[in-house]
Protein backbone atom coordinates (compact mmCIF):
# COMPACT_ATOMS: atom_id res chain seq x y z
CA MET A 1 22.69 3.66 36.43
CA GLU A 2 19.54 1.89 35.33
CA VAL A 3 18.46 2.51 31.73
CA ILE A 4 14.72 3.08 31.38
CA GLU A 5 13.35 1.60 28.18
CA PRO A 6 10.51 3.48 26.46
CA HIS A 7 7.02 1.97 26.49
CA PRO A 8 6.27 -0.23 23.43
CA PHE A 9 3.37 2.07 22.45
CA ILE A 10 5.73 5.06 22.42
CA VAL A 11 8.24 3.14 20.29
CA PHE A 12 5.46 2.05 17.92
CA ALA A 13 3.94 5.55 17.64
CA GLY A 14 7.37 7.08 17.06
CA GLY A 15 8.04 4.49 14.37
CA VAL A 16 4.75 5.30 12.63
CA ALA A 17 5.49 9.03 12.69
CA ILE A 18 9.00 8.58 11.29
CA VAL A 19 7.79 6.13 8.61
CA LEU A 20 5.08 8.54 7.46
CA LEU A 21 7.53 11.45 7.30
CA GLY A 22 9.99 9.32 5.37
CA ALA A 23 7.31 8.05 2.99
CA ASP A 24 6.14 11.60 2.27
CA LEU A 25 9.68 12.77 1.46
CA LEU A 26 10.31 9.68 -0.67
CA LEU A 27 7.01 10.05 -2.52
CA ARG A 28 7.49 13.73 -3.28
CA GLY A 29 11.09 13.29 -4.38
CA ALA A 30 10.41 10.28 -6.60
CA ALA A 31 7.24 11.68 -8.18
CA ARG A 32 8.79 15.03 -9.05
CA ILE A 33 11.94 13.43 -10.46
CA ALA A 34 9.74 11.19 -12.62
CA ALA A 35 7.70 14.18 -13.81
CA MET A 36 10.84 16.15 -14.67
CA LEU A 37 12.15 13.21 -16.69
CA GLY A 38 8.98 13.18 -18.76
CA ILE A 39 7.38 10.00 -17.46
CA PRO A 40 3.64 9.96 -18.35
CA PRO A 41 1.45 11.27 -15.50
CA ILE A 42 -0.81 8.23 -15.19
CA VAL A 43 2.28 6.03 -14.90
CA ILE A 44 3.57 8.26 -12.09
CA GLY A 45 0.30 7.86 -10.22
CA LEU A 46 -0.10 4.12 -10.61
CA THR A 47 3.56 3.23 -10.12
CA VAL A 48 5.72 5.88 -8.41
CA VAL A 49 2.92 7.25 -6.22
CA SER A 50 1.51 3.77 -5.49
CA ILE A 51 4.88 2.33 -4.55
CA GLY A 52 5.81 5.52 -2.70
CA THR A 53 2.77 5.35 -0.44
CA SER A 54 3.45 1.62 0.03
CA THR A 55 7.01 2.24 1.22
CA PRO A 56 6.01 1.81 4.89
CA GLU A 57 4.69 -1.69 4.08
CA LEU A 58 7.96 -2.52 2.28
CA ALA A 59 10.14 -1.31 5.13
CA VAL A 60 8.01 -3.12 7.71
CA GLY A 61 7.86 -6.30 5.61
CA ILE A 62 11.60 -6.55 5.04
CA THR A 63 12.39 -5.67 8.66
CA ALA A 64 9.91 -8.26 9.94
CA ALA A 65 11.17 -10.94 7.54
CA LEU A 66 14.82 -10.41 8.49
CA ASP A 67 13.81 -10.62 12.16
CA GLY A 68 12.02 -13.92 11.53
CA ARG A 69 8.57 -12.30 11.91
CA GLY A 70 7.13 -13.38 8.56
CA PRO A 71 3.50 -13.65 9.79
CA LEU A 72 3.60 -9.95 10.70
CA ALA A 73 4.64 -9.10 7.11
CA ILE A 74 1.82 -11.20 5.61
CA GLY A 75 -0.71 -9.84 8.08
CA ASN A 76 0.36 -6.31 7.23
CA ILE A 77 -0.24 -6.86 3.48
CA ALA A 78 -3.63 -8.54 3.98
CA GLY A 79 -4.73 -5.95 6.54
CA THR A 80 -3.55 -3.02 4.43
CA ASN A 81 -5.35 -4.22 1.29
CA LEU A 82 -8.59 -4.77 3.23
CA LEU A 83 -8.25 -1.29 4.74
CA ASN A 84 -7.49 0.27 1.33
CA ILE A 85 -10.49 -1.19 -0.50
CA LEU A 86 -13.14 -1.46 2.20
CA PHE A 87 -12.43 1.47 4.50
CA ILE A 88 -10.43 4.11 2.60
CA LEU A 89 -12.11 3.69 -0.78
CA GLY A 90 -15.45 3.23 0.96
CA LEU A 91 -14.97 6.36 3.04
CA SER A 92 -14.12 8.33 -0.10
CA ALA A 93 -17.30 7.14 -1.83
CA ALA A 94 -19.35 7.83 1.31
CA ILE A 95 -18.17 11.45 1.25
CA ARG A 96 -18.78 11.83 -2.49
CA PRO A 97 -19.85 9.22 -5.12
CA LEU A 98 -16.74 7.86 -6.76
CA PRO A 99 -16.38 7.67 -10.58
CA ILE A 100 -14.27 4.76 -11.80
CA ARG A 101 -11.97 4.89 -14.84
CA LEU A 102 -12.42 2.20 -17.50
CA GLN A 103 -8.79 1.12 -17.06
CA SER A 104 -9.49 0.18 -13.44
CA ILE A 105 -12.19 -2.25 -14.62
CA GLN A 106 -10.26 -3.67 -17.57
CA LEU A 107 -6.73 -3.92 -16.13
CA ASP A 108 -6.23 -2.86 -12.52
CA VAL A 109 -8.96 -4.85 -10.73
CA PRO A 110 -8.32 -8.10 -12.72
CA THR A 111 -4.61 -7.75 -11.86
CA MET A 112 -5.47 -7.22 -8.19
CA ILE A 113 -7.68 -10.33 -8.22
CA GLY A 114 -5.05 -12.43 -10.02
CA SER A 115 -2.35 -11.32 -7.58
CA ALA A 116 -4.50 -12.24 -4.57
CA ILE A 117 -5.33 -15.68 -6.01
CA ALA A 118 -1.67 -16.33 -6.84
CA LEU A 119 -0.73 -15.45 -3.25
CA ILE A 120 -3.18 -18.03 -1.91
CA VAL A 121 -1.86 -20.68 -4.33
CA PHE A 122 1.74 -19.97 -3.32
CA SER A 123 0.72 -20.14 0.35
CA LEU A 124 -0.77 -23.64 0.18
CA ASP A 125 2.55 -25.25 1.16
CA ARG A 126 2.68 -22.83 4.16
CA VAL A 127 5.88 -21.15 2.91
CA LEU A 128 6.36 -18.23 0.52
CA SER A 129 9.73 -18.91 -1.11
CA PRO A 130 12.23 -16.49 -2.69
CA TRP A 131 11.57 -18.03 -6.12
CA GLU A 132 7.89 -17.23 -5.77
CA GLY A 133 8.96 -13.71 -4.86
CA VAL A 134 10.83 -13.53 -8.17
CA LEU A 135 7.61 -14.46 -10.00
CA PHE A 136 5.72 -11.72 -8.16
CA VAL A 137 8.32 -9.08 -9.07
CA LEU A 138 8.29 -10.19 -12.72
CA ALA A 139 4.48 -9.98 -12.72
CA ALA A 140 4.77 -6.43 -11.34
CA ALA A 141 7.09 -5.54 -14.23
CA LEU A 142 4.57 -6.89 -16.77
CA TYR A 143 1.76 -4.96 -15.10
CA THR A 144 3.84 -1.79 -15.21
CA VAL A 145 4.51 -2.27 -18.93
CA ALA A 146 0.75 -2.63 -19.48
CA LEU A 147 0.23 0.62 -17.53
CA VAL A 148 2.76 2.45 -19.70
CA ARG A 149 0.99 1.29 -22.85
CA GLY A 150 -2.39 2.23 -21.41
CA SER A 151 -1.11 5.68 -20.41
CA ARG A 152 -1.37 6.79 -24.05
CA ARG A 153 -5.14 6.82 -23.63
CA GLU A 154 -5.28 8.92 -20.44
CA SER A 155 -7.67 11.88 -20.45
CA PRO A 156 -6.53 15.53 -20.66
CA ALA A 157 -8.08 16.11 -17.22
CA THR A 158 -5.93 13.37 -15.68
CA LYS A 159 -2.82 14.76 -17.35
CA GLN A 160 -3.56 18.21 -15.98
CA GLU A 161 -4.21 16.85 -12.48
CA PHE A 162 -0.90 14.97 -12.31
CA ALA A 163 1.02 17.85 -13.85
CA HIS A 164 -0.41 20.24 -11.27
CA GLU A 165 0.38 17.88 -8.38
CA PHE A 166 3.83 16.65 -9.35
CA GLY A 167 5.17 18.29 -12.48
CA ALA A 168 4.98 22.03 -11.99
CA GLU A 169 8.64 22.49 -11.24
CA SER A 170 9.76 20.64 -14.37
CA ALA A 171 8.84 23.67 -16.50
CA ARG A 172 11.83 25.70 -15.24
CA ALA A 173 14.45 24.17 -17.50
CA ASN A 174 17.29 26.43 -16.29
CA GLN A 175 16.96 24.96 -12.80
CA ARG A 176 16.44 21.38 -13.92
CA HIS A 177 19.69 19.88 -12.62
CA ALA A 178 19.52 21.68 -9.28
CA GLN A 179 15.94 20.50 -8.81
CA ILE A 180 16.83 16.91 -9.64
CA LEU A 181 19.63 17.01 -7.07
CA ARG A 182 17.31 18.51 -4.46
CA HIS A 183 14.59 15.95 -5.05
CA SER A 184 17.18 13.16 -5.07
CA ALA A 185 18.28 14.33 -1.62
CA LEU A 186 14.64 14.22 -0.51
CA LEU A 187 14.36 10.72 -1.93
CA LEU A 188 17.44 9.47 -0.04
CA ALA A 189 16.33 11.14 3.19
CA GLY A 190 12.91 9.56 2.80
CA ILE A 191 14.43 6.11 2.36
CA ALA A 192 16.64 6.52 5.43
CA LEU A 193 13.77 7.76 7.63
CA THR A 194 11.43 5.03 6.39
CA VAL A 195 13.91 2.28 7.25
CA LEU A 196 14.58 3.80 10.70
CA GLY A 197 10.88 4.20 11.39
CA ALA A 198 10.11 0.65 10.24
CA ASN A 199 12.62 -0.78 12.70
CA LEU A 200 11.00 1.14 15.57
CA LEU A 201 7.50 0.25 14.37
CA VAL A 202 8.20 -3.48 14.17
CA THR A 203 10.03 -3.48 17.52
CA GLY A 204 7.13 -1.71 19.22
CA ALA A 205 4.52 -3.90 17.51
CA VAL A 206 6.26 -7.13 18.55
CA ASP A 207 6.57 -5.93 22.14
CA ILE A 208 2.87 -4.99 22.16
CA ALA A 209 1.96 -8.42 20.81
CA ARG A 210 3.97 -10.10 23.55
CA ALA A 211 2.48 -7.87 26.26
CA PHE A 212 -1.10 -8.69 25.22
CA GLY A 213 -0.42 -12.30 24.30
CA VAL A 214 -1.57 -11.95 20.67
CA SER A 215 0.16 -13.12 17.51
CA ASP A 216 2.44 -11.15 15.20
CA ALA A 217 -0.11 -11.76 12.42
CA PHE A 218 -2.87 -10.11 14.47
CA ILE A 219 -0.72 -7.05 15.13
CA GLY A 220 0.12 -6.89 11.42
CA LEU A 221 -3.56 -7.08 10.46
CA THR A 222 -4.59 -4.31 12.84
CA ILE A 223 -2.38 -1.56 14.24
CA VAL A 224 0.54 -2.05 11.82
CA ALA A 225 -1.82 -2.12 8.82
CA VAL A 226 -3.58 1.04 9.99
CA GLY A 227 -0.28 2.78 10.74
CA THR A 228 1.35 1.99 7.39
CA SER A 229 -1.84 2.86 5.45
CA ALA A 230 -1.84 6.45 6.67
CA PRO A 231 -0.33 7.82 3.40
CA GLU A 232 -3.11 6.22 1.32
CA LEU A 233 -5.76 7.46 3.76
CA ALA A 234 -4.45 11.03 3.79
CA THR A 235 -4.02 11.15 0.00
CA THR A 236 -7.51 9.83 -0.68
CA ILE A 237 -9.37 12.03 1.82
CA ILE A 238 -7.62 15.22 0.70
CA ALA A 239 -8.22 14.39 -2.97
CA THR A 240 -11.88 13.63 -2.24
CA TRP A 241 -12.46 17.05 -0.69
CA ARG A 242 -10.71 18.66 -3.66
CA ASN A 243 -12.75 16.52 -6.07
CA ASP A 244 -9.51 15.49 -7.80
CA ARG A 245 -9.58 11.76 -7.21
CA ASP A 246 -8.05 10.09 -10.28
CA VAL A 247 -4.64 10.20 -8.61
CA ALA A 248 -5.90 8.93 -5.26
CA ILE A 249 -8.12 6.13 -6.57
CA GLY A 250 -5.45 4.94 -8.98
CA ASN A 251 -3.10 5.03 -6.00
CA LEU A 252 -5.42 2.86 -3.86
CA ILE A 253 -5.88 0.17 -6.51
CA GLY A 254 -2.25 0.39 -7.59
CA SER A 255 -1.07 0.14 -3.98
CA SER A 256 -3.17 -2.97 -3.41
CA ILE A 257 -1.54 -4.59 -6.45
CA TYR A 258 2.02 -3.51 -5.66
CA ASN A 259 1.59 -4.50 -2.01
CA ILE A 260 1.40 -8.11 -3.16
CA LEU A 261 3.61 -8.15 -6.25
CA VAL A 262 6.38 -5.74 -5.23
CA ILE A 263 6.22 -5.26 -1.46
CA LEU A 264 5.57 -8.88 -0.52
CA GLY A 265 7.58 -10.11 -3.51
CA LEU A 266 10.71 -8.25 -2.38
CA THR A 267 10.10 -9.32 1.21
CA MET A 268 10.02 -12.95 0.05
CA LEU A 269 13.29 -12.42 -1.80
CA VAL A 270 15.19 -11.25 1.29
CA ALA A 271 13.59 -13.64 3.80
CA PRO A 272 16.04 -16.40 4.75
CA GLY A 273 14.27 -19.70 4.15
CA GLY A 274 11.11 -17.98 2.93
CA ILE A 275 8.13 -16.63 4.88
CA GLU A 276 6.00 -18.93 7.00
CA VAL A 277 2.24 -18.71 6.36
CA GLY A 278 0.00 -19.38 9.37
CA SER A 279 -3.31 -21.22 9.27
CA ASP A 280 -5.37 -18.09 9.99
CA ALA A 281 -3.67 -16.20 7.16
CA LEU A 282 -4.15 -19.08 4.70
CA TRP A 283 -7.79 -19.88 5.48
CA ILE A 284 -9.16 -16.53 6.69
CA ASP A 285 -7.15 -13.37 5.98
CA LEU A 286 -5.93 -14.04 2.43
CA PRO A 287 -9.30 -15.45 1.24
CA LEU A 288 -11.08 -12.39 2.69
CA MET A 289 -8.64 -10.11 0.86
CA THR A 290 -9.33 -12.03 -2.37
CA ILE A 291 -13.12 -11.93 -1.94
CA VAL A 292 -13.00 -8.15 -1.46
CA ALA A 293 -10.89 -7.80 -4.62
CA VAL A 294 -13.37 -9.94 -6.61
CA LEU A 295 -16.34 -7.91 -5.34
CA CYS A 296 -14.74 -4.75 -6.74
CA LEU A 297 -15.59 -5.88 -10.28
CA PRO A 298 -19.42 -5.87 -10.02
CA VAL A 299 -19.33 -2.74 -7.83
CA PHE A 300 -17.09 -0.84 -10.26
CA ARG A 301 -19.05 -2.01 -13.31
CA SER A 302 -22.41 -0.80 -11.96
CA GLY A 303 -22.53 2.46 -13.86
CA GLN A 304 -18.75 2.90 -13.41
CA ILE A 305 -19.36 4.60 -10.08
CA VAL A 306 -19.14 3.65 -6.41
CA SER A 307 -22.22 5.12 -4.74
CA ARG A 308 -22.46 6.57 -1.25
CA THR A 309 -24.47 3.52 -0.17
CA GLU A 310 -21.78 1.14 -1.44
CA GLY A 311 -19.11 3.26 0.26
CA ILE A 312 -20.91 3.22 3.61
CA LEU A 313 -21.42 -0.54 3.25
CA GLY A 314 -17.69 -1.02 2.66
CA VAL A 315 -16.79 1.00 5.77
CA GLY A 316 -19.35 -0.96 7.81
CA ILE A 317 -17.98 -4.31 6.61
CA TYR A 318 -14.44 -3.29 7.54
CA LEU A 319 -15.47 -2.15 11.02
CA ALA A 320 -17.40 -5.43 11.52
CA TYR A 321 -14.29 -7.32 10.39
CA LEU A 322 -12.17 -5.47 12.97
CA VAL A 323 -14.67 -6.25 15.75
CA ALA A 324 -14.72 -9.95 14.76
CA LEU A 325 -10.92 -9.99 14.58
CA ILE A 326 -10.59 -8.59 18.09
CA ALA A 327 -13.33 -10.85 19.50
CA LEU A 328 -12.14 -14.11 17.94
CA ARG A 329 -8.37 -13.77 17.84
CA THR A 330 -7.38 -12.11 21.10
């Protein structure tokens, strides 16, 4: 009997759906466990939430690296960061002008810029090695320590927002252990679903790339980046409508940092022989990602707000980038 294989688009879409479900379970479980253990709210947002919403990128990156598809992993990181800053953050500001916390200007954006520059430097020899991955992970640890120290200065409003979103259940002390077990089960289920979904997503994406004759890097920059960025997009848009955006904006900037330092760093650690860096990634995609990170500084400093005009401009630039990508690299 002949076995009918599902269409690559169906495999890819199924992978995206499973990854997003897994990421949501993982994020909720990890954030609520952290809140119950008394971890400061701002640290939850910029670490647990940021890494949680970046779990799809991690699963895709590791899966792609182990399959020898390193360019897809790099393209996914570059494409996701461009989408985060230009499109998602821009869309949020276009809906409602976006106030920026001082910490984002003093710590988060400089770290994002430094991470992007370091990635380009490490890429000059066309290979991202495991040892360079170690340096990225260590840098992530230092950044996290700086966040913990900075969390002492968080505003009462931010504390209340995080407590409302993630910490409400921690108040019922008599159910503490049962809740930790329940959220741990959510966490493990989220990890399992994310890994399963990532395998389907990468398989579908590679088959699509072969069918259309485009590179793994192109697929990573476009449909994989959009698919794995869905948690950040959903979080930011919902928070914008609620006018509670400290969590979401911290998540966007934090995700862009951890995408490089943790997600790509861990991917480099597990990749046998390192990750190959293509010419387009080295001379086009990574420099564009770095330029966008650098431009965040003057935009954020202008009155510590991202205006509707600046948000619309960011969305327009991203859409123009997508059109150019499709026109020039397919």
